[in-house]
Amino acid sequence: MGMLDRYKKKGGFFQLLQLLETSPAAKREQFLGLIGGESPAWEEALRKRILTITRVYSWDGQYLVEIFSRVQPLTLANALHGNPQEQVDQLLACLPPISKRKITDMMAESAPTAAEKSTCISKMLSEVRGFVSQGIIRLEKVDPELHIPENIEEMLSVNAFATPTFDAEPAAKKDSKPNIVGDSDPASQQENEFLKRKVNQLASEVNALKHENSVLKDKLSQIKKIA
């Protein structure tokens, strides 16, 4: 039984992604190496979707304010502690002046160790994942490359993310086969791959709409309960 077999069920990709995100860097690379040995497609898909604090810091201010206003101020202060002042100013610019001053004051007063800073960063990333699950942060809009299609395990099982390759057999050998349209024609293969990518894109959009519909239903249910 391979390492990936237990994760090929629905939701398994996300479980494995969370395991990687909460593992130390060296351990994470070791895991990814094992995964790549079993399935390069899984390794590539996981690497593309690992959430890092650098990635979060690169998001627009309209999304950062949703995160920074919800995490504990001390957690944010310790996570930012020691970062270049220019970067800190740029990141906190999304907050109201009073909130920004509170964070900077905490940064000036605190002196977290490297381990404490790392713990706060991990906590922030865990909370961001929670915000994604709650629909507060929608990765398909914020950072589409990190979005996880609902049927990603199925897509990976058929290697839907694979880069197309073309048969390099000599022309004489190809001519010995029946001339079936789409069998060995590069143009047909390119068209098929384009259609596959289009289907995957549409599947992602449908999943995003399903998620949005679910969030709206939950909100409507809450409103009805209050009423």
C-alpha atoms as a PDB file:
ATOM      1  CA  MET A   1       0.000   0.000   0.000  1.00  0.00           C
ATOM      2  CA  GLY A   2       1.450   3.344  -1.087  1.00  0.00           C
ATOM      3  CA  MET A   3       1.599   6.451   1.066  1.00  0.00           C
ATOM      4  CA  LEU A   4      -0.949   8.225  -1.140  1.00  0.00           C
ATOM      5  CA  ASP A   5      -3.580   5.461  -1.136  1.00  0.00           C
ATOM      6  CA  ARG A   6      -5.150   6.639   2.137  1.00  0.00           C
ATOM      7  CA  TYR A   7      -5.503  10.180   0.781  1.00  0.00           C
ATOM      8  CA  LYS A   8      -7.114   9.385  -2.580  1.00  0.00           C
ATOM      9  CA  LYS A   9     -10.611   9.465  -1.109  1.00  0.00           C
ATOM     10  CA  LYS A  10     -12.691  12.649  -1.157  1.00  0.00           C
ATOM     11  CA  GLY A  11     -11.148  15.255   1.152  1.00  0.00           C
ATOM     12  CA  GLY A  12      -7.859  13.379   1.312  1.00  0.00           C
ATOM     13  CA  PHE A  13      -5.947  15.980  -0.693  1.00  0.00           C
ATOM     14  CA  PHE A  14      -6.845  18.686   1.825  1.00  0.00           C
ATOM     15  CA  GLN A  15      -5.870  16.436   4.750  1.00  0.00           C
ATOM     16  CA  LEU A  16      -2.474  15.817   3.182  1.00  0.00           C
ATOM     17  CA  LEU A  17      -2.064  19.509   2.413  1.00  0.00           C
ATOM     18  CA  GLN A  18      -2.744  20.402   6.052  1.00  0.00           C
ATOM     19  CA  LEU A  19      -0.191  17.817   7.168  1.00  0.00           C
ATOM     20  CA  LEU A  20       2.425  19.392   4.915  1.00  0.00           C
ATOM     21  CA  GLU A  21       1.582  22.943   6.000  1.00  0.00           C
ATOM     22  CA  THR A  22       1.968  22.093   9.685  1.00  0.00           C
ATOM     23  CA  SER A  23       5.221  20.172   9.231  1.00  0.00           C
ATOM     24  CA  PRO A  24       8.726  21.683   9.632  1.00  0.00           C
ATOM     25  CA  ALA A  25      10.331  22.654   6.318  1.00  0.00           C
ATOM     26  CA  ALA A  26      12.786  19.729   6.272  1.00  0.00           C
ATOM     27  CA  LYS A  27      10.069  17.205   7.096  1.00  0.00           C
ATOM     28  CA  ARG A  28       7.778  18.750   4.497  1.00  0.00           C
ATOM     29  CA  GLU A  29      10.379  18.317   1.761  1.00  0.00           C
ATOM     30  CA  GLN A  30      10.896  14.718   2.848  1.00  0.00           C
ATOM     31  CA  PHE A  31       7.152  14.060   2.565  1.00  0.00           C
ATOM     32  CA  LEU A  32       6.982  15.761  -0.833  1.00  0.00           C
ATOM     33  CA  GLY A  33       9.884  13.657  -2.057  1.00  0.00           C
ATOM     34  CA  LEU A  34       8.047  10.473  -1.067  1.00  0.00           C
ATOM     35  CA  ILE A  35       4.854  11.736  -2.690  1.00  0.00           C
ATOM     36  CA  GLY A  36       6.708  12.636  -5.877  1.00  0.00           C
ATOM     37  CA  GLY A  37       8.130   9.121  -6.014  1.00  0.00           C
ATOM     38  CA  GLU A  38       4.582   7.755  -6.145  1.00  0.00           C
ATOM     39  CA  SER A  39       2.912  10.475  -8.189  1.00  0.00           C
ATOM     40  CA  PRO A  40       4.623  13.568  -9.670  1.00  0.00           C
ATOM     41  CA  ALA A  41       1.151  14.967 -10.392  1.00  0.00           C
ATOM     42  CA  TRP A  42       0.203  14.874  -6.694  1.00  0.00           C
ATOM     43  CA  GLU A  43       3.515  16.438  -5.667  1.00  0.00           C
ATOM     44  CA  GLU A  44       3.103  19.291  -8.157  1.00  0.00           C
ATOM     45  CA  ALA A  45      -0.525  19.930  -7.160  1.00  0.00           C
ATOM     46  CA  LEU A  46       0.381  19.994  -3.451  1.00  0.00           C
ATOM     47  CA  ARG A  47       3.407  22.255  -3.900  1.00  0.00           C
ATOM     48  CA  LYS A  48       1.283  24.777  -5.793  1.00  0.00           C
ATOM     49  CA  ARG A  49      -1.302  24.932  -3.003  1.00  0.00           C
ATOM     50  CA  ILE A  50       0.829  25.008   0.146  1.00  0.00           C
ATOM     51  CA  LEU A  51      -0.151  28.140   2.061  1.00  0.00           C
ATOM     52  CA  THR A  52       2.807  30.181   3.339  1.00  0.00           C
ATOM     53  CA  ILE A  53       2.915  33.440   5.253  1.00  0.00           C
ATOM     54  CA  THR A  54       4.840  35.027   2.377  1.00  0.00           C
ATOM     55  CA  ARG A  55       1.972  34.116   0.065  1.00  0.00           C
ATOM     56  CA  VAL A  56      -0.591  35.591   2.476  1.00  0.00           C
ATOM     57  CA  TYR A  57       1.421  38.812   2.821  1.00  0.00           C
ATOM     58  CA  SER A  58       1.322  39.193  -0.981  1.00  0.00           C
ATOM     59  CA  TRP A  59      -2.491  39.467  -1.054  1.00  0.00           C
ATOM     60  CA  ASP A  60      -4.340  42.738  -1.565  1.00  0.00           C
ATOM     61  CA  GLY A  61      -5.098  44.908   1.430  1.00  0.00           C
ATOM     62  CA  GLN A  62      -8.854  44.313   1.113  1.00  0.00           C
ATOM     63  CA  TYR A  63      -8.237  40.649   1.954  1.00  0.00           C
ATOM     64  CA  LEU A  64      -5.491  41.224   4.510  1.00  0.00           C
ATOM     65  CA  VAL A  65      -7.788  43.433   6.585  1.00  0.00           C
ATOM     66  CA  GLU A  66     -10.248  40.519   6.835  1.00  0.00           C
ATOM     67  CA  ILE A  67      -7.445  38.385   8.275  1.00  0.00           C
ATOM     68  CA  PHE A  68      -5.624  40.922  10.447  1.00  0.00           C
ATOM     69  CA  SER A  69      -8.840  42.144  12.046  1.00  0.00           C
ATOM     70  CA  ARG A  70      -9.778  38.601  13.096  1.00  0.00           C
ATOM     71  CA  VAL A  71      -6.518  37.170  14.465  1.00  0.00           C
ATOM     72  CA  GLN A  72      -5.317  37.958  17.980  1.00  0.00           C
ATOM     73  CA  PRO A  73      -3.336  41.246  17.944  1.00  0.00           C
ATOM     74  CA  LEU A  74      -0.411  39.683  19.826  1.00  0.00           C
ATOM     75  CA  THR A  75      -0.292  36.796  17.346  1.00  0.00           C
ATOM     76  CA  LEU A  76      -0.063  39.253  14.463  1.00  0.00           C
ATOM     77  CA  ALA A  77       2.493  41.412  16.290  1.00  0.00           C
ATOM     78  CA  ASN A  78       4.758  38.437  16.999  1.00  0.00           C
ATOM     79  CA  ALA A  79       4.376  37.098  13.449  1.00  0.00           C
ATOM     80  CA  LEU A  80       5.489  40.471  12.051  1.00  0.00           C
ATOM     81  CA  HIS A  81       8.211  41.049  14.640  1.00  0.00           C
ATOM     82  CA  GLY A  82      11.645  41.415  13.049  1.00  0.00           C
ATOM     83  CA  ASN A  83      10.299  41.958   9.535  1.00  0.00           C
ATOM     84  CA  PRO A  84      11.613  44.978   7.564  1.00  0.00           C
ATOM     85  CA  GLN A  85       9.860  48.141   8.708  1.00  0.00           C
ATOM     86  CA  GLU A  86       8.881  49.007   5.141  1.00  0.00           C
ATOM     87  CA  GLN A  87       7.086  45.685   4.788  1.00  0.00           C
ATOM     88  CA  VAL A  88       5.362  46.048   8.178  1.00  0.00           C
ATOM     89  CA  ASP A  89       4.112  49.529   7.246  1.00  0.00           C
ATOM     90  CA  GLN A  90       2.844  48.263   3.904  1.00  0.00           C
ATOM     91  CA  LEU A  91       1.022  45.291   5.437  1.00  0.00           C
ATOM     92  CA  LEU A  92      -0.583  47.242   8.283  1.00  0.00           C
ATOM     93  CA  ALA A  93      -1.688  50.055   5.973  1.00  0.00           C
ATOM     94  CA  CYS A  94      -4.951  48.141   5.448  1.00  0.00           C
ATOM     95  CA  LEU A  95      -5.909  48.597   9.129  1.00  0.00           C
ATOM     96  CA  PRO A  96      -7.516  51.663  10.737  1.00  0.00           C
ATOM     97  CA  PRO A  97      -4.911  53.964  12.365  1.00  0.00           C
ATOM     98  CA  ILE A  98      -5.913  52.925  15.916  1.00  0.00           C
ATOM     99  CA  SER A  99      -5.561  49.212  15.146  1.00  0.00           C
ATOM    100  CA  LYS A 100      -2.276  49.775  13.343  1.00  0.00           C
ATOM    101  CA  ARG A 101      -0.896  51.731  16.326  1.00  0.00           C
ATOM    102  CA  LYS A 102      -1.957  48.926  18.685  1.00  0.00           C
ATOM    103  CA  ILE A 103      -0.028  46.335  16.670  1.00  0.00           C
ATOM    104  CA  THR A 104       3.104  48.480  16.308  1.00  0.00           C
ATOM    105  CA  ASP A 105       3.079  49.232  20.055  1.00  0.00           C
ATOM    106  CA  MET A 106       2.882  45.502  20.788  1.00  0.00           C
ATOM    107  CA  MET A 107       5.747  44.846  18.387  1.00  0.00           C
ATOM    108  CA  ALA A 108       7.861  47.445  20.186  1.00  0.00           C
ATOM    109  CA  GLU A 109       7.098  45.978  23.610  1.00  0.00           C
ATOM    110  CA  SER A 110       7.423  42.278  22.772  1.00  0.00           C
ATOM    111  CA  ALA A 111      10.569  40.286  22.042  1.00  0.00           C
ATOM    112  CA  PRO A 112       9.455  36.865  20.795  1.00  0.00           C
ATOM    113  CA  THR A 113      12.010  34.127  20.270  1.00  0.00           C
ATOM    114  CA  ALA A 114      12.407  32.541  16.844  1.00  0.00           C
ATOM    115  CA  ALA A 115      10.301  29.593  18.050  1.00  0.00           C
ATOM    116  CA  GLU A 116       7.541  31.911  19.336  1.00  0.00           C
ATOM    117  CA  LYS A 117       7.494  33.858  16.069  1.00  0.00           C
ATOM    118  CA  SER A 118       7.282  30.590  14.123  1.00  0.00           C
ATOM    119  CA  THR A 119       4.426  29.398  16.346  1.00  0.00           C
ATOM    120  CA  CYS A 120       2.477  32.613  15.743  1.00  0.00           C
ATOM    121  CA  ILE A 121       3.004  32.344  11.995  1.00  0.00           C
ATOM    122  CA  SER A 122       1.722  28.756  12.057  1.00  0.00           C
ATOM    123  CA  LYS A 123      -1.283  29.869  14.087  1.00  0.00           C
ATOM    124  CA  MET A 124      -2.046  32.629  11.569  1.00  0.00           C
ATOM    125  CA  LEU A 125      -1.865  30.200   8.666  1.00  0.00           C
ATOM    126  CA  SER A 126      -4.164  27.790  10.505  1.00  0.00           C
ATOM    127  CA  GLU A 127      -6.647  30.600  11.069  1.00  0.00           C
ATOM    128  CA  VAL A 128      -6.453  31.653   7.420  1.00  0.00           C
ATOM    129  CA  ARG A 129      -7.352  28.084   6.443  1.00  0.00           C
ATOM    130  CA  GLY A 130     -10.290  28.381   8.816  1.00  0.00           C
ATOM    131  CA  PHE A 131     -11.381  31.625   7.167  1.00  0.00           C
ATOM    132  CA  VAL A 132     -11.237  29.863   3.797  1.00  0.00           C
ATOM    133  CA  SER A 133     -13.446  27.027   5.109  1.00  0.00           C
ATOM    134  CA  GLN A 134     -15.920  29.587   6.490  1.00  0.00           C
ATOM    135  CA  GLY A 135     -16.064  31.463   3.180  1.00  0.00           C
ATOM    136  CA  ILE A 136     -14.564  34.645   4.673  1.00  0.00           C
ATOM    137  CA  ILE A 137     -11.595  34.270   2.338  1.00  0.00           C
ATOM    138  CA  ARG A 138     -12.409  32.874  -1.113  1.00  0.00           C
ATOM    139  CA  LEU A 139      -9.230  31.614  -2.701  1.00  0.00           C
ATOM    140  CA  GLU A 140     -10.768  31.442  -6.168  1.00  0.00           C
ATOM    141  CA  LYS A 141     -10.875  35.252  -6.020  1.00  0.00           C
ATOM    142  CA  VAL A 142      -7.997  36.061  -3.658  1.00  0.00           C
ATOM    143  CA  ASP A 143      -5.386  33.662  -5.047  1.00  0.00           C
ATOM    144  CA  PRO A 144      -6.804  31.284  -7.705  1.00  0.00           C
ATOM    145  CA  GLU A 145      -3.676  29.119  -7.847  1.00  0.00           C
ATOM    146  CA  LEU A 146      -4.321  28.047  -4.237  1.00  0.00           C
ATOM    147  CA  HIS A 147      -7.957  27.101  -4.882  1.00  0.00           C
ATOM    148  CA  ILE A 148      -8.690  23.389  -4.428  1.00  0.00           C
ATOM    149  CA  PRO A 149     -11.292  21.949  -6.857  1.00  0.00           C
ATOM    150  CA  GLU A 150     -13.905  19.822  -5.122  1.00  0.00           C
ATOM    151  CA  ASN A 151     -13.033  16.761  -7.239  1.00  0.00           C
ATOM    152  CA  ILE A 152      -9.254  17.215  -7.162  1.00  0.00           C
ATOM    153  CA  GLU A 153      -8.583  13.626  -6.017  1.00  0.00           C
ATOM    154  CA  GLU A 154     -10.461  12.306  -9.045  1.00  0.00           C
ATOM    155  CA  MET A 155      -8.679  14.748 -11.344  1.00  0.00           C
ATOM    156  CA  LEU A 156      -5.301  13.645 -10.023  1.00  0.00           C
ATOM    157  CA  SER A 157      -6.190   9.979 -10.317  1.00  0.00           C
ATOM    158  CA  VAL A 158      -6.574  10.445 -14.076  1.00  0.00           C
ATOM    159  CA  ASN A 159      -3.612  12.824 -14.156  1.00  0.00           C
ATOM    160  CA  ALA A 160      -5.771  15.700 -15.408  1.00  0.00           C
ATOM    161  CA  PHE A 161      -3.049  18.201 -14.463  1.00  0.00           C
ATOM    162  CA  ALA A 162      -0.364  16.469 -16.501  1.00  0.00           C
ATOM    163  CA  THR A 163       1.522  18.387 -19.186  1.00  0.00           C
ATOM    164  CA  PRO A 164       0.649  16.915 -22.610  1.00  0.00           C
ATOM    165  CA  THR A 165       3.419  14.954 -24.355  1.00  0.00           C
ATOM    166  CA  PHE A 166       3.521  13.893 -27.968  1.00  0.00           C
ATOM    167  CA  ASP A 167       4.595  10.597 -29.490  1.00  0.00           C
ATOM    168  CA  ALA A 168       8.141  10.834 -30.827  1.00  0.00           C
ATOM    169  CA  GLU A 169       8.121   7.580 -32.828  1.00  0.00           C
ATOM    170  CA  PRO A 170       9.653   7.681 -36.321  1.00  0.00           C
ATOM    171  CA  ALA A 171       7.271   8.688 -39.085  1.00  0.00           C
ATOM    172  CA  ALA A 172       7.704   5.334 -40.846  1.00  0.00           C
ATOM    173  CA  LYS A 173       6.477   3.448 -37.780  1.00  0.00           C
ATOM    174  CA  LYS A 174       3.512   5.763 -37.402  1.00  0.00           C
ATOM    175  CA  ASP A 175       2.525   5.191 -41.016  1.00  0.00           C
ATOM    176  CA  SER A 176       2.206   1.474 -40.299  1.00  0.00           C
ATOM    177  CA  LYS A 177      -0.739   2.200 -37.992  1.00  0.00           C
ATOM    178  CA  PRO A 178      -4.291   2.936 -39.175  1.00  0.00           C
ATOM    179  CA  ASN A 179      -4.800   6.675 -39.669  1.00  0.00           C
ATOM    180  CA  ILE A 180      -7.305   7.234 -36.840  1.00  0.00           C
ATOM    181  CA  VAL A 181      -8.242  10.878 -36.283  1.00  0.00           C
ATOM    182  CA  GLY A 182      -6.955  12.085 -32.905  1.00  0.00           C
ATOM    183  CA  ASP A 183      -4.747   9.002 -32.348  1.00  0.00           C
ATOM    184  CA  SER A 184      -1.364  10.450 -33.321  1.00  0.00           C
ATOM    185  CA  ASP A 185      -2.193  13.886 -34.739  1.00  0.00           C
ATOM    186  CA  PRO A 186      -0.482  16.586 -32.605  1.00  0.00           C
ATOM    187  CA  ALA A 187      -3.102  19.151 -33.561  1.00  0.00           C
ATOM    188  CA  SER A 188      -5.875  16.866 -32.335  1.00  0.00           C
ATOM    189  CA  GLN A 189      -3.978  16.162 -29.128  1.00  0.00           C
ATOM    190  CA  GLN A 190      -3.554  19.880 -28.482  1.00  0.00           C
ATOM    191  CA  GLU A 191      -7.271  20.420 -29.052  1.00  0.00           C
ATOM    192  CA  ASN A 192      -8.106  17.577 -26.646  1.00  0.00           C
ATOM    193  CA  GLU A 193      -5.820  19.002 -23.966  1.00  0.00           C
ATOM    194  CA  PHE A 194      -7.375  22.433 -24.427  1.00  0.00           C
ATOM    195  CA  LEU A 195     -10.839  20.944 -23.965  1.00  0.00           C
ATOM    196  CA  LYS A 196      -9.666  19.069 -20.838  1.00  0.00           C
ATOM    197  CA  ARG A 197      -8.313  22.295 -19.332  1.00  0.00           C
ATOM    198  CA  LYS A 198     -11.566  24.059 -20.200  1.00  0.00           C
ATOM    199  CA  VAL A 199     -13.587  21.322 -18.492  1.00  0.00           C
ATOM    200  CA  ASN A 200     -11.377  21.571 -15.397  1.00  0.00           C
ATOM    201  CA  GLN A 201     -11.780  25.346 -15.363  1.00  0.00           C
ATOM    202  CA  LEU A 202     -15.555  25.060 -15.621  1.00  0.00           C
ATOM    203  CA  ALA A 203     -15.553  22.414 -12.874  1.00  0.00           C
ATOM    204  CA  SER A 204     -13.653  24.787 -10.601  1.00  0.00           C
ATOM    205  CA  GLU A 205     -16.131  27.584 -11.320  1.00  0.00           C
ATOM    206  CA  VAL A 206     -19.071  25.269 -10.583  1.00  0.00           C
ATOM    207  CA  ASN A 207     -17.476  24.210  -7.291  1.00  0.00           C
ATOM    208  CA  ALA A 208     -16.930  27.846  -6.355  1.00  0.00           C
ATOM    209  CA  LEU A 209     -20.587  28.611  -7.058  1.00  0.00           C
ATOM    210  CA  LYS A 210     -21.645  25.593  -4.991  1.00  0.00           C
ATOM    211  CA  HIS A 211     -19.563  26.847  -2.088  1.00  0.00           C
ATOM    212  CA  GLU A 212     -20.992  30.353  -2.407  1.00  0.00           C
ATOM    213  CA  ASN A 213     -24.525  28.926  -2.517  1.00  0.00           C
ATOM    214  CA  SER A 214     -23.810  26.877   0.626  1.00  0.00           C
ATOM    215  CA  VAL A 215     -22.528  29.958   2.473  1.00  0.00           C
ATOM    216  CA  LEU A 216     -25.600  31.968   1.437  1.00  0.00           C
ATOM    217  CA  LYS A 217     -27.897  29.165   2.599  1.00  0.00           C
ATOM    218  CA  ASP A 218     -26.196  29.124   5.989  1.00  0.00           C
ATOM    219  CA  LYS A 219     -26.566  32.891   6.315  1.00  0.00           C
ATOM    220  CA  LEU A 220     -30.242  32.691   5.315  1.00  0.00           C
ATOM    221  CA  SER A 221     -30.810  29.946   7.891  1.00  0.00           C
ATOM    222  CA  GLN A 222     -29.215  32.097  10.589  1.00  0.00           C
ATOM    223  CA  ILE A 223     -31.368  35.076   9.606  1.00  0.00           C
ATOM    224  CA  LYS A 224     -34.507  32.924   9.802  1.00  0.00           C
ATOM    225  CA  LYS A 225     -33.541  31.704  13.272  1.00  0.00           C
ATOM    226  CA  ILE A 226     -33.051  35.287  14.474  1.00  0.00           C
ATOM    227  CA  ALA A 227     -36.353  36.377  12.932  1.00  0.00           C
END
